[in-house]
PDB file of N, CA and C in Angstrom:
ATOM      1  N   UNK A   1    -161.829 -78.732-103.949  1.00  0.00           N
ATOM      2  CA  UNK A   1    -161.791 -79.791-104.385  1.00  0.00           C
ATOM      3  C   UNK A   1    -161.254 -80.979-104.047  1.00  0.00           C
ATOM      4  N   UNK A   2    -161.877 -82.286-103.845  1.00  0.00           N
ATOM      5  CA  UNK A   2    -160.940 -83.619-103.450  1.00  0.00           C
ATOM      6  C   UNK A   2    -159.619 -83.166-104.428  1.00  0.00           C
ATOM      7  N   UNK A   3    -158.536 -83.822-104.300  1.00  0.00           N
ATOM      8  CA  UNK A   3    -157.489 -84.158-105.165  1.00  0.00           C
ATOM      9  C   UNK A   3    -157.099 -82.996-105.877  1.00  0.00           C
ATOM     10  N   UNK A   4    -157.311 -81.783-105.203  1.00  0.00           N
ATOM     11  CA  UNK A   4    -156.189 -80.389-105.846  1.00  0.00           C
ATOM     12  C   UNK A   4    -155.144 -80.444-105.564  1.00  0.00           C
ATOM     13  N   UNK A   5    -154.711 -81.364-105.142  1.00  0.00           N
ATOM     14  CA  UNK A   5    -153.101 -81.336-104.746  1.00  0.00           C
ATOM     15  C   UNK A   5    -152.132 -82.492-104.898  1.00  0.00           C
ATOM     16  N   UNK A   6    -153.219 -83.335-105.694  1.00  0.00           N
ATOM     17  CA  UNK A   6    -152.741 -84.476-106.243  1.00  0.00           C
ATOM     18  C   UNK A   6    -151.811 -84.067-107.649  1.00  0.00           C
ATOM     19  N   UNK A   7    -150.920 -84.969-107.987  1.00  0.00           N
ATOM     20  CA  UNK A   7    -149.963 -84.937-108.949  1.00  0.00           C
ATOM     21  C   UNK A   7    -150.905 -84.252-110.228  1.00  0.00           C
ATOM     22  N   UNK A   8    -151.891 -85.020-110.784  1.00  0.00           N
ATOM     23  CA  UNK A   8    -152.659 -85.275-112.082  1.00  0.00           C
ATOM     24  C   UNK A   8    -153.095 -83.858-112.298  1.00  0.00           C
ATOM     25  N   UNK A   9    -154.163 -83.008-110.908  1.00  0.00           N
ATOM     26  CA  UNK A   9    -154.222 -82.136-110.866  1.00  0.00           C
ATOM     27  C   UNK A   9    -153.557 -80.838-111.210  1.00  0.00           C
ATOM     28  N   UNK A  10    -152.132 -80.988-110.308  1.00  0.00           N
ATOM     29  CA  UNK A  10    -151.236 -79.990-110.501  1.00  0.00           C
ATOM     30  C   UNK A  10    -150.928 -79.777-112.356  1.00  0.00           C
ATOM     31  N   UNK A  11    -150.590 -81.095-112.644  1.00  0.00           N
ATOM     32  CA  UNK A  11    -150.127 -80.926-114.068  1.00  0.00           C
ATOM     33  C   UNK A  11    -151.230 -80.714-115.179  1.00  0.00           C
ATOM     34  N   UNK A  12    -152.582 -80.853-114.663  1.00  0.00           N
ATOM     35  CA  UNK A  12    -153.394 -80.432-115.652  1.00  0.00           C
ATOM     36  C   UNK A  12    -153.778 -78.810-115.641  1.00  0.00           C
ATOM     37  N   UNK A  13    -153.376 -78.330-114.037  1.00  0.00           N
ATOM     38  CA  UNK A  13    -153.410 -77.062-113.960  1.00  0.00           C
ATOM     39  C   UNK A  13    -152.481 -76.473-114.915  1.00  0.00           C
ATOM     40  N   UNK A  14    -150.738 -76.664-114.345  1.00  0.00           N
ATOM     41  CA  UNK A  14    -149.785 -76.346-115.274  1.00  0.00           C
ATOM     42  C   UNK A  14    -149.986 -76.373-117.237  1.00  0.00           C
ATOM     43  N   UNK A  15    -151.022 -77.645-117.270  1.00  0.00           N
ATOM     44  CA  UNK A  15    -150.994 -77.548-118.933  1.00  0.00           C
ATOM     45  C   UNK A  15    -151.584 -76.612-119.310  1.00  0.00           C
ATOM     46  N   UNK A  16    -152.889 -76.299-118.509  1.00  0.00           N
ATOM     47  CA  UNK A  16    -153.762 -74.902-119.000  1.00  0.00           C
ATOM     48  C   UNK A  16    -152.925 -74.179-119.317  1.00  0.00           C
ATOM     49  N   UNK A  17    -152.466 -73.531-117.977  1.00  0.00           N
ATOM     50  CA  UNK A  17    -151.895 -72.132-118.141  1.00  0.00           C
ATOM     51  C   UNK A  17    -150.842 -72.390-118.857  1.00  0.00           C
ATOM     52  N   UNK A  18    -150.053 -73.491-119.271  1.00  0.00           N
ATOM     53  CA  UNK A  18    -149.358 -73.511-120.492  1.00  0.00           C
ATOM     54  C   UNK A  18    -149.738 -72.867-122.083  1.00  0.00           C
ATOM     55  N   UNK A  19    -150.892 -73.739-122.040  1.00  0.00           N
ATOM     56  CA  UNK A  19    -151.679 -73.249-123.316  1.00  0.00           C
ATOM     57  C   UNK A  19    -152.433 -71.911-123.535  1.00  0.00           C
ATOM     58  N   UNK A  20    -152.504 -71.733-122.293  1.00  0.00           N
ATOM     59  CA  UNK A  20    -152.934 -70.431-122.082  1.00  0.00           C
ATOM     60  C   UNK A  20    -152.262 -68.933-122.400  1.00  0.00           C
ATOM     61  N   UNK A  21    -150.960 -69.396-122.481  1.00  0.00           N
ATOM     62  CA  UNK A  21    -149.410 -68.443-122.334  1.00  0.00           C
ATOM     63  C   UNK A  21    -149.204 -68.556-123.870  1.00  0.00           C
ATOM     64  N   UNK A  22    -150.018 -69.242-124.640  1.00  0.00           N
ATOM     65  CA  UNK A  22    -149.843 -69.283-126.050  1.00  0.00           C
ATOM     66  C   UNK A  22    -150.451 -68.024-127.033  1.00  0.00           C
ATOM     67  N   UNK A  23    -151.555 -67.747-126.029  1.00  0.00           N
ATOM     68  CA  UNK A  23    -152.437 -67.025-126.580  1.00  0.00           C
ATOM     69  C   UNK A  23    -152.472 -65.426-126.230  1.00  0.00           C
ATOM     70  N   UNK A  24    -153.124 -64.042-126.966  1.00  0.00           N
ATOM     71  CA  UNK A  24    -152.735 -62.988-126.589  1.00  0.00           C
ATOM     72  C   UNK A  24    -154.009 -62.619-125.781  1.00  0.00           C
ATOM     73  N   UNK A  25    -154.264 -63.082-124.415  1.00  0.00           N
ATOM     74  CA  UNK A  25    -155.258 -63.261-123.799  1.00  0.00           C
ATOM     75  C   UNK A  25    -154.796 -62.945-122.220  1.00  0.00           C
ATOM     76  N   UNK A  26    -155.414 -62.586-121.086  1.00  0.00           N
ATOM     77  CA  UNK A  26    -155.495 -62.252-119.714  1.00  0.00           C
ATOM     78  C   UNK A  26    -155.814 -63.275-118.948  1.00  0.00           C
ATOM     79  N   UNK A  27    -155.083 -63.935-118.193  1.00  0.00           N
ATOM     80  CA  UNK A  27    -155.245 -65.003-117.556  1.00  0.00           C
ATOM     81  C   UNK A  27    -155.635 -64.564-115.937  1.00  0.00           C
ATOM     82  N   UNK A  28    -156.053 -64.660-115.501  1.00  0.00           N
ATOM     83  CA  UNK A  28    -156.439 -64.554-113.610  1.00  0.00           C
ATOM     84  C   UNK A  28    -156.348 -65.988-112.871  1.00  0.00           C
ATOM     85  N   UNK A  29    -155.848 -65.749-112.064  1.00  0.00           N
ATOM     86  CA  UNK A  29    -155.274 -67.064-110.841  1.00  0.00           C
ATOM     87  C   UNK A  29    -155.421 -66.943-109.674  1.00  0.00           C
ATOM     88  N   UNK A  30    -156.436 -67.800-109.193  1.00  0.00           N
ATOM     89  CA  UNK A  30    -157.011 -67.776-108.031  1.00  0.00           C
ATOM     90  C   UNK A  30    -156.859 -68.872-107.096  1.00  0.00           C
ATOM     91  N   UNK A  31    -156.646 -68.868-106.135  1.00  0.00           N
ATOM     92  CA  UNK A  31    -156.214 -70.196-105.141  1.00  0.00           C
ATOM     93  C   UNK A  31    -155.319 -71.009-106.049  1.00  0.00           C
ATOM     94  N   UNK A  32    -153.774 -70.130-106.156  1.00  0.00           N
ATOM     95  CA  UNK A  32    -153.166 -71.065-106.972  1.00  0.00           C
ATOM     96  C   UNK A  32    -152.245 -72.115-105.960  1.00  0.00           C
ATOM     97  N   UNK A  33    -152.147 -72.082-104.710  1.00  0.00           N
ATOM     98  CA  UNK A  33    -151.247 -72.910-104.011  1.00  0.00           C
ATOM     99  C   UNK A  33    -150.120 -72.290-104.285  1.00  0.00           C
ATOM    100  N   UNK A  34    -149.345 -73.557-104.525  1.00  0.00           N
ATOM    101  CA  UNK A  34    -147.632 -73.951-105.025  1.00  0.00           C
ATOM    102  C   UNK A  34    -147.454 -73.839-106.105  1.00  0.00           C
ATOM    103  N   UNK A  35    -148.767 -74.095-106.903  1.00  0.00           N
ATOM    104  CA  UNK A  35    -148.404 -74.318-108.815  1.00  0.00           C
ATOM    105  C   UNK A  35    -147.602 -73.296-109.183  1.00  0.00           C
ATOM    106  N   UNK A  36    -147.635 -72.336-109.030  1.00  0.00           N
ATOM    107  CA  UNK A  36    -147.095 -70.922-109.726  1.00  0.00           C
ATOM    108  C   UNK A  36    -145.268 -70.768-109.231  1.00  0.00           C
ATOM    109  N   UNK A  37    -145.248 -71.623-108.243  1.00  0.00           N
ATOM    110  CA  UNK A  37    -143.651 -71.498-107.704  1.00  0.00           C
ATOM    111  C   UNK A  37    -143.032 -72.422-109.507  1.00  0.00           C
ATOM    112  N   UNK A  38    -143.523 -73.134-110.035  1.00  0.00           N
ATOM    113  CA  UNK A  38    -143.145 -73.407-111.511  1.00  0.00           C
ATOM    114  C   UNK A  38    -143.001 -72.452-112.740  1.00  0.00           C
ATOM    115  N   UNK A  39    -143.749 -71.422-112.268  1.00  0.00           N
ATOM    116  CA  UNK A  39    -143.645 -70.279-113.211  1.00  0.00           C
ATOM    117  C   UNK A  39    -142.964 -69.168-113.241  1.00  0.00           C
ATOM    118  N   UNK A  40    -141.802 -69.174-112.175  1.00  0.00           N
ATOM    119  CA  UNK A  40    -141.137 -68.441-111.270  1.00  0.00           C
ATOM    120  C   UNK A  40    -140.876 -67.247-112.782  1.00  0.00           C
ATOM    121  N   UNK A  41    -139.953 -68.152-113.503  1.00  0.00           N
ATOM    122  CA  UNK A  41    -139.550 -66.692-114.718  1.00  0.00           C
ATOM    123  C   UNK A  41    -140.619 -66.148-115.598  1.00  0.00           C
ATOM    124  N   UNK A  42    -141.572 -66.999-115.993  1.00  0.00           N
ATOM    125  CA  UNK A  42    -142.958 -65.804-116.274  1.00  0.00           C
ATOM    126  C   UNK A  42    -143.208 -65.341-115.487  1.00  0.00           C
ATOM    127  N   UNK A  43    -143.683 -65.342-114.264  1.00  0.00           N
ATOM    128  CA  UNK A  43    -143.891 -64.382-113.338  1.00  0.00           C
ATOM    129  C   UNK A  43    -142.944 -63.045-113.214  1.00  0.00           C
ATOM    130  N   UNK A  44    -141.555 -63.577-113.232  1.00  0.00           N
ATOM    131  CA  UNK A  44    -140.774 -62.458-113.210  1.00  0.00           C
ATOM    132  C   UNK A  44    -140.096 -62.125-114.363  1.00  0.00           C
ATOM    133  N   UNK A  45    -141.031 -62.006-115.539  1.00  0.00           N
ATOM    134  CA  UNK A  45    -140.914 -61.329-117.023  1.00  0.00           C
ATOM    135  C   UNK A  45    -139.626 -61.467-117.542  1.00  0.00           C
ATOM    136  N   UNK A  46    -138.910 -62.888-116.987  1.00  0.00           N
ATOM    137  CA  UNK A  46    -137.647 -63.466-117.177  1.00  0.00           C
ATOM    138  C   UNK A  46    -137.853 -63.923-118.625  1.00  0.00           C
ATOM    139  N   UNK A  47    -137.753 -63.611-119.735  1.00  0.00           N
ATOM    140  CA  UNK A  47    -138.162 -64.295-121.291  1.00  0.00           C
ATOM    141  C   UNK A  47    -136.678 -64.688-122.064  1.00  0.00           C
ATOM    142  N   UNK A  48    -136.693 -65.567-123.038  1.00  0.00           N
ATOM    143  CA  UNK A  48    -135.828 -65.683-123.524  1.00  0.00           C
ATOM    144  C   UNK A  48    -136.350 -65.270-125.275  1.00  0.00           C
ATOM    145  N   UNK A  49    -135.998 -64.547-125.720  1.00  0.00           N
ATOM    146  CA  UNK A  49    -136.369 -64.091-127.387  1.00  0.00           C
ATOM    147  C   UNK A  49    -136.170 -65.146-128.250  1.00  0.00           C
ATOM    148  N   UNK A  50    -136.852 -65.690-128.937  1.00  0.00           N
ATOM    149  CA  UNK A  50    -136.663 -66.766-130.084  1.00  0.00           C
ATOM    150  C   UNK A  50    -136.887 -65.974-131.155  1.00  0.00           C
ATOM    151  N   UNK A  51    -136.840 -66.519-132.467  1.00  0.00           N
ATOM    152  CA  UNK A  51    -136.922 -66.059-133.711  1.00  0.00           C
ATOM    153  C   UNK A  51    -138.128 -65.277-133.899  1.00  0.00           C
ATOM    154  N   UNK A  52    -138.218 -64.073-134.405  1.00  0.00           N
ATOM    155  CA  UNK A  52    -139.056 -62.774-134.520  1.00  0.00           C
ATOM    156  C   UNK A  52    -139.749 -62.642-133.124  1.00  0.00           C
ATOM    157  N   UNK A  53    -140.673 -62.402-133.098  1.00  0.00           N
ATOM    158  CA  UNK A  53    -141.446 -61.942-131.751  1.00  0.00           C
ATOM    159  C   UNK A  53    -141.742 -63.018-131.255  1.00  0.00           C
ATOM    160  N   UNK A  54    -141.014 -64.216-131.228  1.00  0.00           N
ATOM    161  CA  UNK A  54    -141.325 -65.374-130.278  1.00  0.00           C
ATOM    162  C   UNK A  54    -140.614 -65.326-128.706  1.00  0.00           C
ATOM    163  N   UNK A  55    -141.390 -65.521-127.966  1.00  0.00           N
ATOM    164  CA  UNK A  55    -140.657 -65.480-126.536  1.00  0.00           C
ATOM    165  C   UNK A  55    -140.626 -66.872-126.140  1.00  0.00           C
ATOM    166  N   UNK A  56    -139.817 -67.404-124.965  1.00  0.00           N
ATOM    167  CA  UNK A  56    -139.687 -68.584-124.128  1.00  0.00           C
ATOM    168  C   UNK A  56    -139.984 -67.919-122.647  1.00  0.00           C
ATOM    169  N   UNK A  57    -140.271 -68.759-121.806  1.00  0.00           N
ATOM    170  CA  UNK A  57    -140.201 -69.191-120.365  1.00  0.00           C
ATOM    171  C   UNK A  57    -139.568 -70.404-119.858  1.00  0.00           C
ATOM    172  N   UNK A  58    -138.693 -70.507-118.932  1.00  0.00           N
ATOM    173  CA  UNK A  58    -138.569 -71.850-118.301  1.00  0.00           C
ATOM    174  C   UNK A  58    -139.385 -72.076-117.303  1.00  0.00           C
ATOM    175  N   UNK A  59    -140.283 -73.140-117.413  1.00  0.00           N
ATOM    176  CA  UNK A  59    -141.139 -73.779-116.360  1.00  0.00           C
ATOM    177  C   UNK A  59    -140.718 -74.839-115.914  1.00  0.00           C
ATOM    178  N   UNK A  60    -140.863 -75.075-114.603  1.00  0.00           N
ATOM    179  CA  UNK A  60    -140.362 -76.252-113.509  1.00  0.00           C
ATOM    180  C   UNK A  60    -141.709 -77.003-113.580  1.00  0.00           C
ATOM    181  N   UNK A  61    -141.640 -78.234-113.145  1.00  0.00           N
ATOM    182  CA  UNK A  61    -142.383 -79.049-112.566  1.00  0.00           C
ATOM    183  C   UNK A  61    -141.395 -80.073-111.425  1.00  0.00           C
ATOM    184  N   UNK A  62    -141.058 -79.985-110.210  1.00  0.00           N
ATOM    185  CA  UNK A  62    -140.428 -80.775-109.602  1.00  0.00           C
ATOM    186  C   UNK A  62    -139.003 -80.357-110.175  1.00  0.00           C
ATOM    187  N   UNK A  63    -138.487 -81.601-110.642  1.00  0.00           N
ATOM    188  CA  UNK A  63    -137.305 -81.412-111.179  1.00  0.00           C
ATOM    189  C   UNK A  63    -137.077 -81.440-112.431  1.00  0.00           C
ATOM    190  N   UNK A  64    -138.100 -81.681-113.522  1.00  0.00           N
ATOM    191  CA  UNK A  64    -137.977 -81.116-114.611  1.00  0.00           C
ATOM    192  C   UNK A  64    -138.387 -79.727-114.903  1.00  0.00           C
ATOM    193  N   UNK A  65    -137.486 -79.545-116.311  1.00  0.00           N
ATOM    194  CA  UNK A  65    -137.834 -78.408-116.313  1.00  0.00           C
ATOM    195  C   UNK A  65    -137.809 -77.901-118.129  1.00  0.00           C
ATOM    196  N   UNK A  66    -138.781 -77.013-118.443  1.00  0.00           N
ATOM    197  CA  UNK A  66    -138.701 -77.058-120.088  1.00  0.00           C
ATOM    198  C   UNK A  66    -139.125 -75.442-120.493  1.00  0.00           C
ATOM    199  N   UNK A  67    -138.707 -75.016-121.547  1.00  0.00           N
ATOM    200  CA  UNK A  67    -139.057 -73.758-122.107  1.00  0.00           C
ATOM    201  C   UNK A  67    -140.333 -73.604-122.487  1.00  0.00           C
ATOM    202  N   UNK A  68    -141.123 -72.950-122.304  1.00  0.00           N
ATOM    203  CA  UNK A  68    -142.535 -73.267-123.147  1.00  0.00           C
ATOM    204  C   UNK A  68    -142.627 -71.765-123.855  1.00  0.00           C
ATOM    205  N   UNK A  69    -143.514 -71.397-125.004  1.00  0.00           N
ATOM    206  CA  UNK A  69    -143.613 -70.419-125.446  1.00  0.00           C
ATOM    207  C   UNK A  69    -144.725 -69.137-124.924  1.00  0.00           C
ATOM    208  N   UNK A  70    -144.491 -68.132-124.946  1.00  0.00           N
ATOM    209  CA  UNK A  70    -145.055 -67.133-124.410  1.00  0.00           C
ATOM    210  C   UNK A  70    -145.638 -66.035-125.649  1.00  0.00           C
ATOM    211  N   UNK A  71    -146.795 -65.451-125.779  1.00  0.00           N
ATOM    212  CA  UNK A  71    -147.232 -65.016-126.557  1.00  0.00           C
ATOM    213  C   UNK A  71    -147.089 -63.547-125.993  1.00  0.00           C
ATOM    214  N   UNK A  72    -146.442 -62.786-126.679  1.00  0.00           N
ATOM    215  CA  UNK A  72    -145.947 -61.150-126.187  1.00  0.00           C
ATOM    216  C   UNK A  72    -147.073 -60.553-125.677  1.00  0.00           C
ATOM    217  N   UNK A  73    -148.318 -60.867-126.093  1.00  0.00           N
ATOM    218  CA  UNK A  73    -149.659 -59.939-125.191  1.00  0.00           C
ATOM    219  C   UNK A  73    -150.355 -60.892-124.147  1.00  0.00           C
ATOM    220  N   UNK A  74    -149.856 -62.022-124.209  1.00  0.00           N
ATOM    221  CA  UNK A  74    -150.050 -62.471-122.780  1.00  0.00           C
ATOM    222  C   UNK A  74    -149.894 -61.890-121.685  1.00  0.00           C
ATOM    223  N   UNK A  75    -150.930 -61.733-120.944  1.00  0.00           N
ATOM    224  CA  UNK A  75    -150.701 -60.998-119.499  1.00  0.00           C
ATOM    225  C   UNK A  75    -151.365 -62.024-118.410  1.00  0.00           C
ATOM    226  N   UNK A  76    -150.933 -61.930-116.925  1.00  0.00           N
ATOM    227  CA  UNK A  76    -151.808 -62.886-115.793  1.00  0.00           C
ATOM    228  C   UNK A  76    -151.889 -61.734-114.756  1.00  0.00           C
ATOM    229  N   UNK A  77    -153.359 -61.768-114.242  1.00  0.00           N
ATOM    230  CA  UNK A  77    -153.350 -61.328-112.917  1.00  0.00           C
ATOM    231  C   UNK A  77    -152.989 -62.470-111.461  1.00  0.00           C
ATOM    232  N   UNK A  78    -152.843 -62.142-110.923  1.00  0.00           N
ATOM    233  CA  UNK A  78    -152.502 -63.115-109.674  1.00  0.00           C
ATOM    234  C   UNK A  78    -153.457 -62.538-108.863  1.00  0.00           C
ATOM    235  N   UNK A  79    -154.282 -63.192-108.119  1.00  0.00           N
ATOM    236  CA  UNK A  79    -155.213 -62.898-106.756  1.00  0.00           C
ATOM    237  C   UNK A  79    -154.860 -63.201-105.796  1.00  0.00           C
ATOM    238  N   UNK A  80    -154.741 -62.652-104.482  1.00  0.00           N
ATOM    239  CA  UNK A  80    -154.109 -63.399-103.162  1.00  0.00           C
ATOM    240  C   UNK A  80    -155.272 -62.266-102.378  1.00  0.00           C
ATOM    241  N   UNK A  81    -155.912 -63.144-101.762  1.00  0.00           N
ATOM    242  CA  UNK A  81    -156.999 -63.229-100.856  1.00  0.00           C
ATOM    243  C   UNK A  81    -156.228 -62.056 -99.654  1.00  0.00           C
ATOM    244  N   UNK A  82    -156.778 -61.026 -98.867  1.00  0.00           N
ATOM    245  CA  UNK A  82    -155.988 -60.623 -97.971  1.00  0.00           C
ATOM    246  C   UNK A  82    -155.661 -61.330 -96.720  1.00  0.00           C
ATOM    247  N   UNK A  83    -156.346 -62.410 -96.556  1.00  0.00           N
ATOM    248  CA  UNK A  83    -156.803 -63.268 -95.292  1.00  0.00           C
ATOM    249  C   UNK A  83    -155.216 -64.331 -95.803  1.00  0.00           C
ATOM    250  N   UNK A  84    -154.889 -64.592 -96.813  1.00  0.00           N
ATOM    251  CA  UNK A  84    -153.832 -64.976 -97.399  1.00  0.00           C
ATOM    252  C   UNK A  84    -152.409 -64.614 -97.441  1.00  0.00           C
ATOM    253  N   UNK A  85    -152.704 -62.953 -97.638  1.00  0.00           N
ATOM    254  CA  UNK A  85    -151.308 -62.287 -97.661  1.00  0.00           C
ATOM    255  C   UNK A  85    -150.194 -62.525 -96.866  1.00  0.00           C
ATOM    256  N   UNK A  86    -150.426 -62.515 -95.877  1.00  0.00           N
ATOM    257  CA  UNK A  86    -149.347 -63.011 -94.723  1.00  0.00           C
ATOM    258  C   UNK A  86    -148.682 -63.945 -94.944  1.00  0.00           C
ATOM    259  N   UNK A  87    -149.095 -65.562 -95.621  1.00  0.00           N
ATOM    260  CA  UNK A  87    -148.530 -66.481 -95.554  1.00  0.00           C
ATOM    261  C   UNK A  87    -147.425 -66.300 -97.327  1.00  0.00           C
ATOM    262  N   UNK A  88    -147.860 -65.312 -98.236  1.00  0.00           N
ATOM    263  CA  UNK A  88    -147.204 -65.289 -99.276  1.00  0.00           C
ATOM    264  C   UNK A  88    -145.612 -64.918 -98.996  1.00  0.00           C
ATOM    265  N   UNK A  89    -144.600 -65.678 -99.725  1.00  0.00           N
ATOM    266  CA  UNK A  89    -143.502 -64.929 -99.534  1.00  0.00           C
ATOM    267  C   UNK A  89    -143.188 -63.696-100.399  1.00  0.00           C
ATOM    268  N   UNK A  90    -142.543 -62.597 -99.554  1.00  0.00           N
ATOM    269  CA  UNK A  90    -141.989 -61.535-100.240  1.00  0.00           C
ATOM    270  C   UNK A  90    -141.395 -61.474-101.708  1.00  0.00           C
ATOM    271  N   UNK A  91    -140.425 -62.412-101.770  1.00  0.00           N
ATOM    272  CA  UNK A  91    -140.103 -62.719-102.894  1.00  0.00           C
ATOM    273  C   UNK A  91    -141.436 -62.922-104.010  1.00  0.00           C
ATOM    274  N   UNK A  92    -141.890 -63.487-103.762  1.00  0.00           N
ATOM    275  CA  UNK A  92    -142.986 -63.850-104.683  1.00  0.00           C
ATOM    276  C   UNK A  92    -144.096 -62.564-105.094  1.00  0.00           C
ATOM    277  N   UNK A  93    -144.382 -61.812-103.817  1.00  0.00           N
ATOM    278  CA  UNK A  93    -145.232 -60.590-103.892  1.00  0.00           C
ATOM    279  C   UNK A  93    -144.342 -59.423-104.879  1.00  0.00           C
ATOM    280  N   UNK A  94    -142.916 -59.618-104.314  1.00  0.00           N
ATOM    281  CA  UNK A  94    -142.416 -58.479-105.101  1.00  0.00           C
ATOM    282  C   UNK A  94    -142.326 -58.665-106.546  1.00  0.00           C
ATOM    283  N   UNK A  95    -142.511 -59.455-107.355  1.00  0.00           N
ATOM    284  CA  UNK A  95    -142.367 -59.868-108.772  1.00  0.00           C
ATOM    285  C   UNK A  95    -143.764 -58.556-109.422  1.00  0.00           C
ATOM    286  N   UNK A  96    -145.108 -58.293-108.782  1.00  0.00           N
ATOM    287  CA  UNK A  96    -146.169 -57.906-109.462  1.00  0.00           C
ATOM    288  C   UNK A  96    -146.384 -56.815-108.705  1.00  0.00           C
ATOM    289  N   UNK A  97    -147.189 -55.977-109.695  1.00  0.00           N
ATOM    290  CA  UNK A  97    -147.915 -54.655-109.178  1.00  0.00           C
ATOM    291  C   UNK A  97    -149.073 -55.442-107.881  1.00  0.00           C
ATOM    292  N   UNK A  98    -149.204 -54.130-107.431  1.00  0.00           N
ATOM    293  CA  UNK A  98    -150.186 -54.706-106.056  1.00  0.00           C
ATOM    294  C   UNK A  98    -151.308 -53.688-105.852  1.00  0.00           C
ATOM    295  N   UNK A  99    -152.473 -53.990-106.084  1.00  0.00           N
ATOM    296  CA  UNK A  99    -153.810 -53.486-105.619  1.00  0.00           C
ATOM    297  C   UNK A  99    -154.672 -53.602-104.782  1.00  0.00           C
ATOM    298  N   UNK A 100    -155.148 -53.535-104.154  1.00  0.00           N
ATOM    299  CA  UNK A 100    -156.352 -53.678-102.638  1.00  0.00           C
ATOM    300  C   UNK A 100    -157.347 -52.996-103.609  1.00  0.00           C
ATOM    301  N   UNK A 101    -158.670 -54.755-103.460  1.00  0.00           N
ATOM    302  CA  UNK A 101    -159.729 -54.332-104.359  1.00  0.00           C
ATOM    303  C   UNK A 101    -160.647 -54.345-102.988  1.00  0.00           C
ATOM    304  N   UNK A 102    -161.393 -53.740-102.894  1.00  0.00           N
ATOM    305  CA  UNK A 102    -162.187 -53.830-101.902  1.00  0.00           C
ATOM    306  C   UNK A 102    -163.755 -54.207-102.447  1.00  0.00           C
TER     307      UNK A 102
END
């Protein structure tokens, strides 16, 4: 879609992921481009434990970063198309369990 790489679009998608992370839900992310770069700690399961059962992960957008709450039962599936697999950084792919869906 036109404008998919604009700062406003990126901010909107990041906001949607942040809101989803507050819920005990499963989020599937497809065609993510560079958006997930800011969710390094969340994708790496690197959380800070708050009071009780609250967890926080650092999210960054450019030079700005903040801790966001993450529900303990929040889950993410990242879908990478096979034709785009070679373009992904190995360090990014190493964060996840991998499955081939035919």
